[in-house]
């Protein structure tokens, strides 16, 4: 049925539920997981005349963000491995996490995306946004939404 399942995770409890569901599904159908984390680009601070910027501050911020991504992915991989499910890890930087998720599914030849959603409705969904809602119309493969 499914051979490779992309699981975007941000390390939150909700995305941990998606990792758990994807792991159970992968275990049942003999699929592999691709655990993925989308990093926002490091924002350069805007300084006014007369202010100074520390050299290397953006480089340190990028390294710290990459280290956080690796920690999040390692924790998710540990759960998959405990269940006997093979899992690879990847992360990417993109202004739009939903675009990074869709690109990762294509890059890794995944045939399913499993991701979490808060299930917000109405104005809160509009104001807070939802990466899951943005992935749904863009994905070229089925998306399983975990709540």
Protein backbone atom coordinates (compact mmCIF):
# COMPACT_ATOMS: atom_id res chain seq x y z
CA UNK A 1 0.00 0.00 0.00
CA UNK A 2 2.41 2.70 1.22
CA UNK A 3 6.17 2.33 0.98
CA UNK A 4 7.47 5.70 2.21
CA UNK A 5 5.64 8.03 4.56
CA UNK A 6 6.71 11.63 5.15
CA UNK A 7 6.09 12.84 8.69
CA UNK A 8 6.67 16.57 9.28
CA UNK A 9 7.40 17.26 12.93
CA UNK A 10 8.13 20.33 15.00
CA UNK A 11 8.66 18.45 18.25
CA UNK A 12 5.31 19.47 19.72
CA UNK A 13 2.98 17.04 21.49
CA UNK A 14 0.59 17.26 18.57
CA UNK A 15 3.22 16.41 15.98
CA UNK A 16 4.41 13.60 18.27
CA UNK A 17 0.92 12.13 17.86
CA UNK A 18 1.38 12.24 14.09
CA UNK A 19 4.74 10.47 14.46
CA UNK A 20 3.05 7.80 16.59
CA UNK A 21 0.21 7.27 14.09
CA UNK A 22 2.61 7.20 11.14
CA UNK A 23 4.79 4.69 12.99
CA UNK A 24 1.81 2.42 13.64
CA UNK A 25 0.74 2.67 10.01
CA UNK A 26 4.26 2.02 8.72
CA UNK A 27 4.54 -0.96 11.04
CA UNK A 28 1.25 -2.38 9.75
CA UNK A 29 2.06 -2.00 6.04
CA UNK A 30 5.84 -2.45 6.13
CA UNK A 31 6.62 1.13 5.11
CA UNK A 32 9.58 3.37 5.91
CA UNK A 33 9.29 6.79 7.50
CA UNK A 34 10.93 10.00 6.40
CA UNK A 35 10.92 12.34 9.38
CA UNK A 36 11.09 15.97 8.32
CA UNK A 37 11.48 19.35 10.00
CA UNK A 38 11.00 22.67 8.23
CA UNK A 39 13.22 25.48 9.50
CA UNK A 40 12.29 29.12 8.99
CA UNK A 41 15.11 31.21 7.56
CA UNK A 42 17.17 33.19 10.03
CA UNK A 43 15.86 36.73 10.08
CA UNK A 44 18.47 39.43 9.86
CA UNK A 45 17.74 42.16 12.39
CA UNK A 46 17.18 45.61 11.04
CA UNK A 47 19.54 48.10 12.60
CA UNK A 48 19.38 51.83 12.46
CA UNK A 49 22.27 54.14 11.81
CA UNK A 50 24.90 53.96 14.49
CA UNK A 51 24.03 50.47 15.71
CA UNK A 52 26.33 47.53 15.29
CA UNK A 53 25.89 43.90 14.29
CA UNK A 54 27.98 41.17 15.83
CA UNK A 55 29.89 39.28 13.20
CA UNK A 56 28.69 35.72 12.88
CA UNK A 57 25.44 36.19 14.81
CA UNK A 58 23.31 34.94 11.91
CA UNK A 59 25.67 32.02 11.38
CA UNK A 60 25.30 31.06 15.06
CA UNK A 61 21.53 31.34 14.76
CA UNK A 62 21.53 29.03 11.72
CA UNK A 63 23.71 26.50 13.55
CA UNK A 64 21.44 26.63 16.60
CA UNK A 65 18.34 26.12 14.43
CA UNK A 66 19.96 23.16 12.65
CA UNK A 67 20.96 21.64 16.00
CA UNK A 68 17.37 22.01 17.24
CA UNK A 69 16.09 20.34 14.05
CA UNK A 70 18.49 17.43 14.57
CA UNK A 71 17.32 17.03 18.19
CA UNK A 72 13.65 17.02 17.16
CA UNK A 73 14.29 14.50 14.40
CA UNK A 74 16.43 12.28 16.62
CA UNK A 75 13.64 12.10 19.23
CA UNK A 76 11.10 11.14 16.55
CA UNK A 77 13.50 8.59 15.03
CA UNK A 78 14.00 7.01 18.44
CA UNK A 79 10.24 6.35 18.67
CA UNK A 80 10.14 4.81 15.19
CA UNK A 81 13.18 2.66 15.84
CA UNK A 82 11.69 1.43 19.13
CA UNK A 83 8.76 0.14 17.08
CA UNK A 84 11.08 -1.49 14.55
CA UNK A 85 10.22 0.97 11.80
CA UNK A 86 13.09 2.22 9.63
CA UNK A 87 13.24 6.01 9.55
CA UNK A 88 15.42 8.53 7.79
CA UNK A 89 15.69 12.19 8.82
CA UNK A 90 15.82 15.39 6.82
CA UNK A 91 15.31 19.09 7.34
CA UNK A 92 15.20 22.13 5.09
CA UNK A 93 14.99 25.88 5.39
CA UNK A 94 12.11 27.63 3.66
CA UNK A 95 10.04 30.76 4.20
CA UNK A 96 6.94 28.58 3.77
CA UNK A 97 7.04 25.37 5.79
CA UNK A 98 4.19 23.95 3.72
CA UNK A 99 6.24 24.35 0.53
CA UNK A 100 9.19 22.64 2.22
CA UNK A 101 6.95 19.74 3.25
CA UNK A 102 5.58 19.26 -0.27
CA UNK A 103 9.10 19.49 -1.73
CA UNK A 104 10.39 16.93 0.80
CA UNK A 105 7.63 14.49 -0.16
CA UNK A 106 8.70 14.78 -3.79
CA UNK A 107 12.43 14.66 -3.04
CA UNK A 108 12.11 11.46 -1.00
CA UNK A 109 9.51 9.85 -3.30
CA UNK A 110 6.98 9.53 -0.49
CA UNK A 111 3.54 8.19 -1.28
CA UNK A 112 1.82 9.54 1.85
CA UNK A 113 2.19 12.53 4.18
CA UNK A 114 1.06 12.13 7.79
CA UNK A 115 0.82 15.37 9.71
CA UNK A 116 -0.93 16.90 12.66
CA UNK A 117 -3.57 19.57 12.73
CA UNK A 118 -5.10 21.49 15.62
CA UNK A 119 -8.53 21.25 13.99
CA UNK A 120 -9.19 24.95 14.39
CA UNK A 121 -12.26 26.33 12.69
CA UNK A 122 -13.60 29.70 11.72
CA UNK A 123 -11.71 32.89 12.47
CA UNK A 124 -9.02 31.22 14.61
CA UNK A 125 -8.02 29.01 11.65
CA UNK A 126 -7.86 32.08 9.42
CA UNK A 127 -5.87 34.19 11.89
CA UNK A 128 -3.50 31.50 13.17
CA UNK A 129 -3.08 29.72 9.85
CA UNK A 130 -2.36 26.07 9.41
CA UNK A 131 0.52 24.41 7.65
CA UNK A 132 -1.65 21.33 7.24
CA UNK A 133 -4.35 23.37 5.52
CA UNK A 134 -1.71 24.80 3.19
CA UNK A 135 -0.23 21.37 2.39
CA UNK A 136 -3.57 19.76 1.47
CA UNK A 137 -4.15 21.53 -1.88
CA UNK A 138 -0.44 21.48 -2.83
CA UNK A 139 0.43 17.85 -2.08
CA UNK A 140 0.64 15.41 -4.97
CA UNK A 141 0.17 12.45 -2.65
CA UNK A 142 -2.51 11.64 -0.06
CA UNK A 143 -2.33 13.45 3.28
CA UNK A 144 -3.45 11.77 6.48
CA UNK A 145 -4.36 14.38 9.09
CA UNK A 146 -3.97 13.46 12.76
CA UNK A 147 -5.86 15.41 15.43
